[in-house]
PDB file of N, CA and C in Angstrom:
ATOM      1  N   MET A   1     -89.251 -76.632 100.522  1.00  0.00           N
ATOM      2  CA  MET A   1     -88.773 -76.778 101.878  1.00  0.00           C
ATOM      3  C   MET A   1     -87.336 -77.288 101.864  1.00  0.00           C
ATOM      4  N   LYS A   2     -86.599 -76.897 102.892  1.00  0.00           N
ATOM      5  CA  LYS A   2     -85.227 -77.346 103.032  1.00  0.00           C
ATOM      6  C   LYS A   2     -85.234 -78.686 103.755  1.00  0.00           C
ATOM      7  N   GLU A   3     -85.092 -79.777 103.038  1.00  0.00           N
ATOM      8  CA  GLU A   3     -85.097 -81.082 103.693  1.00  0.00           C
ATOM      9  C   GLU A   3     -83.675 -81.452 104.067  1.00  0.00           C
ATOM     10  N   GLN A   4     -83.404 -81.482 105.361  1.00  0.00           N
ATOM     11  CA  GLN A   4     -82.071 -81.776 105.849  1.00  0.00           C
ATOM     12  C   GLN A   4     -81.975 -83.164 106.465  1.00  0.00           C
ATOM     13  N   CYS A   5     -83.107 -83.800 106.694  1.00  0.00           N
ATOM     14  CA  CYS A   5     -83.108 -85.156 107.231  1.00  0.00           C
ATOM     15  C   CYS A   5     -84.017 -85.995 106.322  1.00  0.00           C
ATOM     16  N   GLY A   6     -84.039 -87.265 106.479  1.00  0.00           N
ATOM     17  CA  GLY A   6     -84.862 -88.111 105.625  1.00  0.00           C
ATOM     18  C   GLY A   6     -86.203 -88.471 106.238  1.00  0.00           C
ATOM     19  N   HIS A   7     -86.499 -87.941 107.414  1.00  0.00           N
ATOM     20  CA  HIS A   7     -87.696 -88.352 108.137  1.00  0.00           C
ATOM     21  C   HIS A   7     -89.001 -87.847 107.528  1.00  0.00           C
ATOM     22  N   LEU A   8     -88.959 -86.727 106.834  1.00  0.00           N
ATOM     23  CA  LEU A   8     -90.199 -86.143 106.310  1.00  0.00           C
ATOM     24  C   LEU A   8     -90.785 -86.960 105.166  1.00  0.00           C
ATOM     25  N   LYS A   9     -89.960 -87.757 104.526  1.00  0.00           N
ATOM     26  CA  LYS A   9     -90.441 -88.565 103.405  1.00  0.00           C
ATOM     27  C   LYS A   9     -91.499 -89.574 103.848  1.00  0.00           C
ATOM     28  N   SER A  10     -91.423 -89.997 105.098  1.00  0.00           N
ATOM     29  CA  SER A  10     -92.380 -90.987 105.598  1.00  0.00           C
ATOM     30  C   SER A  10     -93.535 -90.360 106.368  1.00  0.00           C
ATOM     31  N   THR A  11     -93.645 -89.025 106.347  1.00  0.00           N
ATOM     32  CA  THR A  11     -94.710 -88.324 107.066  1.00  0.00           C
ATOM     33  C   THR A  11     -95.679 -87.719 106.055  1.00  0.00           C
ATOM     34  N   CYS A  12     -96.963 -88.005 106.225  1.00  0.00           N
ATOM     35  CA  CYS A  12     -97.940 -87.420 105.297  1.00  0.00           C
ATOM     36  C   CYS A  12     -98.077 -85.921 105.577  1.00  0.00           C
ATOM     37  N   ALA A  13     -98.434 -85.168 104.555  1.00  0.00           N
ATOM     38  CA  ALA A  13     -98.524 -83.713 104.659  1.00  0.00           C
ATOM     39  C   ALA A  13     -99.539 -83.283 105.707  1.00  0.00           C
ATOM     40  N   ALA A  14    -100.666 -83.977 105.800  1.00  0.00           N
ATOM     41  CA  ALA A  14    -101.702 -83.613 106.781  1.00  0.00           C
ATOM     42  C   ALA A  14    -101.182 -83.787 108.204  1.00  0.00           C
ATOM     43  N   CYS A  15    -100.459 -84.871 108.460  1.00  0.00           N
ATOM     44  CA  CYS A  15     -99.898 -85.104 109.796  1.00  0.00           C
ATOM     45  C   CYS A  15     -98.849 -84.042 110.138  1.00  0.00           C
ATOM     46  N   LEU A  16     -98.023 -83.700 109.164  1.00  0.00           N
ATOM     47  CA  LEU A  16     -96.993 -82.688 109.380  1.00  0.00           C
ATOM     48  C   LEU A  16     -97.629 -81.336 109.682  1.00  0.00           C
ATOM     49  N   ARG A  17     -98.659 -80.979 108.920  1.00  0.00           N
ATOM     50  CA  ARG A  17     -99.366 -79.714 109.166  1.00  0.00           C
ATOM     51  C   ARG A  17     -99.956 -79.685 110.575  1.00  0.00           C
ATOM     52  N   THR A  18    -100.610 -80.774 110.972  1.00  0.00           N
ATOM     53  CA  THR A  18    -101.236 -80.842 112.299  1.00  0.00           C
ATOM     54  C   THR A  18    -100.185 -80.694 113.393  1.00  0.00           C
ATOM     55  N   TYR A  19     -99.083 -81.399 113.233  1.00  0.00           N
ATOM     56  CA  TYR A  19     -97.986 -81.333 114.207  1.00  0.00           C
ATOM     57  C   TYR A  19     -97.441 -79.911 114.317  1.00  0.00           C
ATOM     58  N   LEU A  20     -97.102 -79.303 113.173  1.00  0.00           N
ATOM     59  CA  LEU A  20     -96.523 -77.959 113.195  1.00  0.00           C
ATOM     60  C   LEU A  20     -97.520 -76.920 113.692  1.00  0.00           C
ATOM     61  N   GLU A  21     -98.784 -77.077 113.346  1.00  0.00           N
ATOM     62  CA  GLU A  21     -99.801 -76.144 113.834  1.00  0.00           C
ATOM     63  C   GLU A  21     -99.859 -76.192 115.358  1.00  0.00           C
ATOM     64  N   GLY A  22     -99.826 -77.377 115.919  1.00  0.00           N
ATOM     65  CA  GLY A  22     -99.817 -77.514 117.373  1.00  0.00           C
ATOM     66  C   GLY A  22     -98.588 -76.873 117.995  1.00  0.00           C
ATOM     67  N   MET A  23     -97.436 -77.079 117.382  1.00  0.00           N
ATOM     68  CA  MET A  23     -96.200 -76.499 117.896  1.00  0.00           C
ATOM     69  C   MET A  23     -96.232 -74.972 117.835  1.00  0.00           C
ATOM     70  N   ILE A  24     -96.776 -74.426 116.744  1.00  0.00           N
ATOM     71  CA  ILE A  24     -96.886 -72.967 116.613  1.00  0.00           C
ATOM     72  C   ILE A  24     -97.834 -72.430 117.671  1.00  0.00           C
ATOM     73  N   ASN A  25     -98.987 -73.067 117.827  1.00  0.00           N
ATOM     74  CA  ASN A  25     -99.970 -72.602 118.800  1.00  0.00           C
ATOM     75  C   ASN A  25     -99.445 -72.687 120.236  1.00  0.00           C
ATOM     76  N   GLU A  26     -98.594 -73.668 120.500  1.00  0.00           N
ATOM     77  CA  GLU A  26     -98.019 -73.831 121.839  1.00  0.00           C
ATOM     78  C   GLU A  26     -96.730 -73.037 122.024  1.00  0.00           C
ATOM     79  N   ARG A  27     -96.314 -72.314 120.974  1.00  0.00           N
ATOM     80  CA  ARG A  27     -95.090 -71.506 121.009  1.00  0.00           C
ATOM     81  C   ARG A  27     -93.857 -72.357 121.290  1.00  0.00           C
ATOM     82  N   ARG A  28     -93.808 -73.526 120.685  1.00  0.00           N
ATOM     83  CA  ARG A  28     -92.683 -74.435 120.869  1.00  0.00           C
ATOM     84  C   ARG A  28     -91.796 -74.408 119.629  1.00  0.00           C
ATOM     85  N   PRO A  29     -90.533 -74.775 119.762  1.00  0.00           N
ATOM     86  CA  PRO A  29     -89.645 -74.803 118.591  1.00  0.00           C
ATOM     87  C   PRO A  29     -90.152 -75.786 117.535  1.00  0.00           C
ATOM     88  N   LEU A  30     -90.005 -75.411 116.296  1.00  0.00           N
ATOM     89  CA  LEU A  30     -90.450 -76.261 115.196  1.00  0.00           C
ATOM     90  C   LEU A  30     -89.302 -77.133 114.729  1.00  0.00           C
ATOM     91  N   CYS A  31     -89.449 -78.428 114.956  1.00  0.00           N
ATOM     92  CA  CYS A  31     -88.409 -79.367 114.542  1.00  0.00           C
ATOM     93  C   CYS A  31     -89.062 -80.653 114.060  1.00  0.00           C
ATOM     94  N   CYS A  32     -88.249 -81.505 113.506  1.00  0.00           N
ATOM     95  CA  CYS A  32     -88.696 -82.781 112.954  1.00  0.00           C
ATOM     96  C   CYS A  32     -89.480 -83.587 113.992  1.00  0.00           C
ATOM     97  N   LEU A  33     -90.415 -84.396 113.514  1.00  0.00           N
ATOM     98  CA  LEU A  33     -91.209 -85.247 114.394  1.00  0.00           C
ATOM     99  C   LEU A  33     -90.414 -86.420 114.963  1.00  0.00           C
ATOM    100  N   GLU A  34     -89.352 -86.798 114.301  1.00  0.00           N
ATOM    101  CA  GLU A  34     -88.543 -87.939 114.723  1.00  0.00           C
ATOM    102  C   GLU A  34     -87.805 -87.607 116.026  1.00  0.00           C
ATOM    103  N   PRO A  35     -88.009 -88.387 117.073  1.00  0.00           N
ATOM    104  CA  PRO A  35     -87.325 -88.123 118.349  1.00  0.00           C
ATOM    105  C   PRO A  35     -85.807 -88.044 118.156  1.00  0.00           C
ATOM    106  N   GLY A  36     -85.227 -86.999 118.699  1.00  0.00           N
ATOM    107  CA  GLY A  36     -83.784 -86.816 118.619  1.00  0.00           C
ATOM    108  C   GLY A  36     -83.284 -86.098 117.386  1.00  0.00           C
ATOM    109  N   CYS A  37     -84.125 -85.924 116.367  1.00  0.00           N
ATOM    110  CA  CYS A  37     -83.709 -85.228 115.142  1.00  0.00           C
ATOM    111  C   CYS A  37     -83.710 -83.721 115.402  1.00  0.00           C
ATOM    112  N   LYS A  38     -82.691 -83.042 114.942  1.00  0.00           N
ATOM    113  CA  LYS A  38     -82.541 -81.600 115.184  1.00  0.00           C
ATOM    114  C   LYS A  38     -82.978 -80.742 113.992  1.00  0.00           C
ATOM    115  N   ARG A  39     -83.542 -81.347 112.952  1.00  0.00           N
ATOM    116  CA  ARG A  39     -83.945 -80.601 111.761  1.00  0.00           C
ATOM    117  C   ARG A  39     -84.992 -79.557 112.132  1.00  0.00           C
ATOM    118  N   ALA A  40     -84.702 -78.307 111.863  1.00  0.00           N
ATOM    119  CA  ALA A  40     -85.603 -77.210 112.193  1.00  0.00           C
ATOM    120  C   ALA A  40     -86.432 -76.822 110.971  1.00  0.00           C
ATOM    121  N   PHE A  41     -87.586 -76.240 111.232  1.00  0.00           N
ATOM    122  CA  PHE A  41     -88.426 -75.684 110.178  1.00  0.00           C
ATOM    123  C   PHE A  41     -88.274 -74.171 110.205  1.00  0.00           C
ATOM    124  N   TYR A  42     -88.231 -73.579 109.035  1.00  0.00           N
ATOM    125  CA  TYR A  42     -88.019 -72.144 108.905  1.00  0.00           C
ATOM    126  C   TYR A  42     -89.245 -71.493 108.279  1.00  0.00           C
ATOM    127  N   SER A  43     -89.222 -70.171 108.191  1.00  0.00           N
ATOM    128  CA  SER A  43     -90.355 -69.415 107.638  1.00  0.00           C
ATOM    129  C   SER A  43     -90.774 -69.931 106.272  1.00  0.00           C
ATOM    130  N   ASP A  44     -89.808 -70.206 105.411  1.00  0.00           N
ATOM    131  CA  ASP A  44     -90.143 -70.706 104.068  1.00  0.00           C
ATOM    132  C   ASP A  44     -90.894 -72.031 104.139  1.00  0.00           C
ATOM    133  N   ASP A  45     -90.507 -72.883 105.083  1.00  0.00           N
ATOM    134  CA  ASP A  45     -91.187 -74.170 105.261  1.00  0.00           C
ATOM    135  C   ASP A  45     -92.628 -73.960 105.697  1.00  0.00           C
ATOM    136  N   VAL A  46     -92.818 -73.072 106.682  1.00  0.00           N
ATOM    137  CA  VAL A  46     -94.159 -72.807 107.210  1.00  0.00           C
ATOM    138  C   VAL A  46     -95.035 -72.191 106.126  1.00  0.00           C
ATOM    139  N   LYS A  47     -94.483 -71.263 105.360  1.00  0.00           N
ATOM    140  CA  LYS A  47     -95.252 -70.644 104.269  1.00  0.00           C
ATOM    141  C   LYS A  47     -95.628 -71.675 103.219  1.00  0.00           C
ATOM    142  N   ALA A  48     -94.703 -72.565 102.895  1.00  0.00           N
ATOM    143  CA  ALA A  48     -94.992 -73.598 101.886  1.00  0.00           C
ATOM    144  C   ALA A  48     -96.104 -74.534 102.354  1.00  0.00           C
ATOM    145  N   LEU A  49     -96.120 -74.857 103.629  1.00  0.00           N
ATOM    146  CA  LEU A  49     -97.123 -75.780 104.153  1.00  0.00           C
ATOM    147  C   LEU A  49     -98.480 -75.127 104.415  1.00  0.00           C
ATOM    148  N   PHE A  50     -98.476 -73.864 104.871  1.00  0.00           N
ATOM    149  CA  PHE A  50     -99.713 -73.240 105.335  1.00  0.00           C
ATOM    150  C   PHE A  50    -100.148 -72.015 104.547  1.00  0.00           C
ATOM    151  N   GLY A  51     -99.236 -71.413 103.786  1.00  0.00           N
ATOM    152  CA  GLY A  51     -99.467 -70.129 103.132  1.00  0.00           C
ATOM    153  C   GLY A  51    -100.869 -69.840 102.663  1.00  0.00           C
ATOM    154  N   ALA A  52    -101.352 -70.558 101.673  1.00  0.00           N
ATOM    155  CA  ALA A  52    -102.665 -70.280 101.090  1.00  0.00           C
ATOM    156  C   ALA A  52    -103.806 -70.783 101.970  1.00  0.00           C
ATOM    157  N   LYS A  53    -103.576 -71.864 102.681  1.00  0.00           N
ATOM    158  CA  LYS A  53    -104.649 -72.485 103.456  1.00  0.00           C
ATOM    159  C   LYS A  53    -104.867 -71.840 104.816  1.00  0.00           C
ATOM    160  N   SER A  54    -103.803 -71.365 105.443  1.00  0.00           N
ATOM    161  CA  SER A  54    -103.902 -70.801 106.787  1.00  0.00           C
ATOM    162  C   SER A  54    -102.983 -69.594 106.944  1.00  0.00           C
ATOM    163  N   PRO A  55    -103.287 -68.501 106.250  1.00  0.00           N
ATOM    164  CA  PRO A  55    -102.393 -67.332 106.365  1.00  0.00           C
ATOM    165  C   PRO A  55    -102.293 -66.802 107.790  1.00  0.00           C
ATOM    166  N   GLU A  56    -103.349 -66.985 108.587  1.00  0.00           N
ATOM    167  CA  GLU A  56    -103.309 -66.508 109.973  1.00  0.00           C
ATOM    168  C   GLU A  56    -102.292 -67.304 110.796  1.00  0.00           C
ATOM    169  N   LEU A  57    -102.115 -68.566 110.475  1.00  0.00           N
ATOM    170  CA  LEU A  57    -101.127 -69.382 111.174  1.00  0.00           C
ATOM    171  C   LEU A  57     -99.710 -68.941 110.801  1.00  0.00           C
ATOM    172  N   VAL A  58     -99.491 -68.633 109.535  1.00  0.00           N
ATOM    173  CA  VAL A  58     -98.192 -68.129 109.094  1.00  0.00           C
ATOM    174  C   VAL A  58     -97.888 -66.817 109.814  1.00  0.00           C
ATOM    175  N   LEU A  59     -98.884 -65.939 109.908  1.00  0.00           N
ATOM    176  CA  LEU A  59     -98.715 -64.663 110.598  1.00  0.00           C
ATOM    177  C   LEU A  59     -98.372 -64.883 112.078  1.00  0.00           C
ATOM    178  N   ARG A  60     -99.075 -65.794 112.726  1.00  0.00           N
ATOM    179  CA  ARG A  60     -98.820 -66.091 114.135  1.00  0.00           C
ATOM    180  C   ARG A  60     -97.380 -66.614 114.316  1.00  0.00           C
ATOM    181  N   TYR A  61     -96.943 -67.464 113.396  1.00  0.00           N
ATOM    182  CA  TYR A  61     -95.575 -67.977 113.448  1.00  0.00           C
ATOM    183  C   TYR A  61     -94.562 -66.843 113.283  1.00  0.00           C
ATOM    184  N   GLU A  62     -94.785 -65.979 112.320  1.00  0.00           N
ATOM    185  CA  GLU A  62     -93.855 -64.882 112.071  1.00  0.00           C
ATOM    186  C   GLU A  62     -93.818 -63.899 113.235  1.00  0.00           C
ATOM    187  N   GLU A  63     -94.958 -63.649 113.851  1.00  0.00           N
ATOM    188  CA  GLU A  63     -94.994 -62.780 115.030  1.00  0.00           C
ATOM    189  C   GLU A  63     -94.188 -63.395 116.172  1.00  0.00           C
ATOM    190  N   ARG A  64     -94.332 -64.701 116.350  1.00  0.00           N
ATOM    191  CA  ARG A  64     -93.596 -65.392 117.402  1.00  0.00           C
ATOM    192  C   ARG A  64     -92.099 -65.321 117.140  1.00  0.00           C
ATOM    193  N   ARG A  65     -91.697 -65.512 115.895  1.00  0.00           N
ATOM    194  CA  ARG A  65     -90.281 -65.462 115.546  1.00  0.00           C
ATOM    195  C   ARG A  65     -89.690 -64.075 115.753  1.00  0.00           C
ATOM    196  N   ALA A  66     -90.499 -63.037 115.561  1.00  0.00           N
ATOM    197  CA  ALA A  66     -90.008 -61.673 115.670  1.00  0.00           C
ATOM    198  C   ALA A  66     -90.053 -61.140 117.104  1.00  0.00           C
ATOM    199  N   ALA A  67     -90.694 -61.861 117.999  1.00  0.00           N
ATOM    200  CA  ALA A  67     -90.851 -61.388 119.369  1.00  0.00           C
ATOM    201  C   ALA A  67     -89.494 -61.236 120.052  1.00  0.00           C
ATOM    202  N   ASP A  68     -89.417 -60.256 120.914  1.00  0.00           N
ATOM    203  CA  ASP A  68     -88.202 -60.011 121.673  1.00  0.00           C
ATOM    204  C   ASP A  68     -88.417 -60.507 123.103  1.00  0.00           C
ATOM    205  N   PHE A  69     -87.736 -61.566 123.470  1.00  0.00           N
ATOM    206  CA  PHE A  69     -87.904 -62.167 124.786  1.00  0.00           C
ATOM    207  C   PHE A  69     -86.776 -61.775 125.742  1.00  0.00           C
ATOM    208  N   LYS A  70     -85.980 -60.805 125.350  1.00  0.00           N
ATOM    209  CA  LYS A  70     -84.842 -60.419 126.175  1.00  0.00           C
ATOM    210  C   LYS A  70     -85.285 -59.953 127.561  1.00  0.00           C
ATOM    211  N   GLN A  71     -86.307 -59.105 127.613  1.00  0.00           N
ATOM    212  CA  GLN A  71     -86.772 -58.581 128.898  1.00  0.00           C
ATOM    213  C   GLN A  71     -87.290 -59.713 129.793  1.00  0.00           C
ATOM    214  N   ARG A  72     -88.040 -60.643 129.220  1.00  0.00           N
ATOM    215  CA  ARG A  72     -88.556 -61.772 129.994  1.00  0.00           C
ATOM    216  C   ARG A  72     -87.406 -62.645 130.505  1.00  0.00           C
ATOM    217  N   LYS A  73     -86.417 -62.889 129.665  1.00  0.00           N
ATOM    218  CA  LYS A  73     -85.253 -63.681 130.060  1.00  0.00           C
ATOM    219  C   LYS A  73     -84.538 -63.020 131.231  1.00  0.00           C
ATOM    220  N   GLU A  74     -84.329 -61.713 131.143  1.00  0.00           N
ATOM    221  CA  GLU A  74     -83.632 -61.001 132.210  1.00  0.00           C
ATOM    222  C   GLU A  74     -84.420 -61.021 133.515  1.00  0.00           C
ATOM    223  N   SER A  75     -85.748 -60.896 133.435  1.00  0.00           N
ATOM    224  CA  SER A  75     -86.546 -60.917 134.663  1.00  0.00           C
ATOM    225  C   SER A  75     -86.513 -62.303 135.309  1.00  0.00           C
ATOM    226  N   LEU A  76     -86.525 -63.353 134.488  1.00  0.00           N
ATOM    227  CA  LEU A  76     -86.428 -64.706 135.037  1.00  0.00           C
ATOM    228  C   LEU A  76     -85.057 -64.958 135.666  1.00  0.00           C
ATOM    229  N   GLU A  77     -84.015 -64.430 135.055  1.00  0.00           N
ATOM    230  CA  GLU A  77     -82.669 -64.597 135.608  1.00  0.00           C
ATOM    231  C   GLU A  77     -82.570 -63.939 136.975  1.00  0.00           C
ATOM    232  N   ASP A  78     -83.213 -62.770 137.125  1.00  0.00           N
ATOM    233  CA  ASP A  78     -83.185 -62.063 138.407  1.00  0.00           C
ATOM    234  C   ASP A  78     -83.998 -62.789 139.472  1.00  0.00           C
ATOM    235  N   GLU A  79     -85.135 -63.361 139.063  1.00  0.00           N
ATOM    236  CA  GLU A  79     -86.033 -64.027 140.006  1.00  0.00           C
ATOM    237  C   GLU A  79     -85.556 -65.424 140.387  1.00  0.00           C
ATOM    238  N   GLU A  80     -84.923 -66.108 139.469  1.00  0.00           N
ATOM    239  CA  GLU A  80     -84.570 -67.516 139.661  1.00  0.00           C
ATOM    240  C   GLU A  80     -83.090 -67.764 139.370  1.00  0.00           C
ATOM    241  N   PRO A  81     -82.235 -67.712 140.380  1.00  0.00           N
ATOM    242  CA  PRO A  81     -80.809 -67.958 140.147  1.00  0.00           C
ATOM    243  C   PRO A  81     -80.536 -69.336 139.524  1.00  0.00           C
ATOM    244  N   ALA A  82     -81.330 -70.337 139.882  1.00  0.00           N
ATOM    245  CA  ALA A  82     -81.136 -71.674 139.300  1.00  0.00           C
ATOM    246  C   ALA A  82     -81.418 -71.654 137.799  1.00  0.00           C
ATOM    247  N   PHE A  83     -82.383 -70.835 137.385  1.00  0.00           N
ATOM    248  CA  PHE A  83     -82.703 -70.719 135.964  1.00  0.00           C
ATOM    249  C   PHE A  83     -81.525 -70.106 135.213  1.00  0.00           C
ATOM    250  N   LYS A  84     -80.922 -69.089 135.793  1.00  0.00           N
ATOM    251  CA  LYS A  84     -79.765 -68.451 135.157  1.00  0.00           C
ATOM    252  C   LYS A  84     -78.632 -69.468 134.987  1.00  0.00           C
ATOM    253  N   LYS A  85     -78.406 -70.294 135.999  1.00  0.00           N
ATOM    254  CA  LYS A  85     -77.374 -71.322 135.926  1.00  0.00           C
ATOM    255  C   LYS A  85     -77.706 -72.341 134.836  1.00  0.00           C
ATOM    256  N   TRP A  86     -78.978 -72.758 134.776  1.00  0.00           N
ATOM    257  CA  TRP A  86     -79.410 -73.710 133.757  1.00  0.00           C
ATOM    258  C   TRP A  86     -79.219 -73.125 132.364  1.00  0.00           C
ATOM    259  N   LEU A  87     -79.585 -71.841 132.192  1.00  0.00           N
ATOM    260  CA  LEU A  87     -79.421 -71.186 130.891  1.00  0.00           C
ATOM    261  C   LEU A  87     -77.965 -71.221 130.434  1.00  0.00           C
ATOM    262  N   SER A  88     -77.073 -70.913 131.327  1.00  0.00           N
ATOM    263  CA  SER A  88     -75.661 -70.855 130.934  1.00  0.00           C
ATOM    264  C   SER A  88     -75.129 -72.228 130.518  1.00  0.00           C
ATOM    265  N   ARG A  89     -75.676 -73.297 131.090  1.00  0.00           N
ATOM    266  CA  ARG A  89     -75.223 -74.648 130.743  1.00  0.00           C
ATOM    267  C   ARG A  89     -75.905 -75.217 129.508  1.00  0.00           C
ATOM    268  N   ASN A  90     -77.147 -74.802 129.226  1.00  0.00           N
ATOM    269  CA  ASN A  90     -77.957 -75.484 128.219  1.00  0.00           C
ATOM    270  C   ASN A  90     -78.377 -74.664 127.007  1.00  0.00           C
ATOM    271  N   THR A  91     -78.040 -73.403 126.970  1.00  0.00           N
ATOM    272  CA  THR A  91     -78.484 -72.570 125.850  1.00  0.00           C
ATOM    273  C   THR A  91     -77.347 -71.689 125.357  1.00  0.00           C
ATOM    274  N   LYS A  92     -77.596 -71.065 124.230  1.00  0.00           N
ATOM    275  CA  LYS A  92     -76.675 -70.048 123.745  1.00  0.00           C
ATOM    276  C   LYS A  92     -77.491 -68.822 123.379  1.00  0.00           C
ATOM    277  N   SER A  93     -76.883 -67.676 123.402  1.00  0.00           N
ATOM    278  CA  SER A  93     -77.604 -66.437 123.132  1.00  0.00           C
ATOM    279  C   SER A  93     -77.999 -66.333 121.677  1.00  0.00           C
ATOM    280  N   CYS A  94     -79.166 -65.798 121.466  1.00  0.00           N
ATOM    281  CA  CYS A  94     -79.642 -65.512 120.119  1.00  0.00           C
ATOM    282  C   CYS A  94     -78.984 -64.240 119.647  1.00  0.00           C
ATOM    283  N   VAL A  95     -78.657 -64.169 118.386  1.00  0.00           N
ATOM    284  CA  VAL A  95     -78.007 -62.972 117.862  1.00  0.00           C
ATOM    285  C   VAL A  95     -78.916 -61.752 117.969  1.00  0.00           C
ATOM    286  N   ARG A  96     -80.239 -61.985 118.088  1.00  0.00           N
ATOM    287  CA  ARG A  96     -81.168 -60.867 118.210  1.00  0.00           C
ATOM    288  C   ARG A  96     -81.185 -60.302 119.620  1.00  0.00           C
ATOM    289  N   LEU A  97     -80.672 -61.047 120.612  1.00  0.00           N
ATOM    290  CA  LEU A  97     -80.652 -60.552 121.984  1.00  0.00           C
ATOM    291  C   LEU A  97     -79.455 -59.686 122.129  1.00  0.00           C
TER     292      LEU A  97
END
């Protein structure tokens, strides 16, 4: 795994797996458990943690990462002008969009 912060050293593997599994199931961004830390988890991290034990979870994560949300984003922008304004202030475009 790519360890970019020092927070994972104090987290047991079982707790980390449970946390990331919940985040994957809820379709939320995978990041460090430490509040305010921006360390992201990548495919290699998920495979290292779940690969042999939960291949279906790895597959679900990879499907989520490959999903194209451009159409949904555009429909929300059309329906909710405030959302479009919020997006422009708080996000940046993904290179896949």
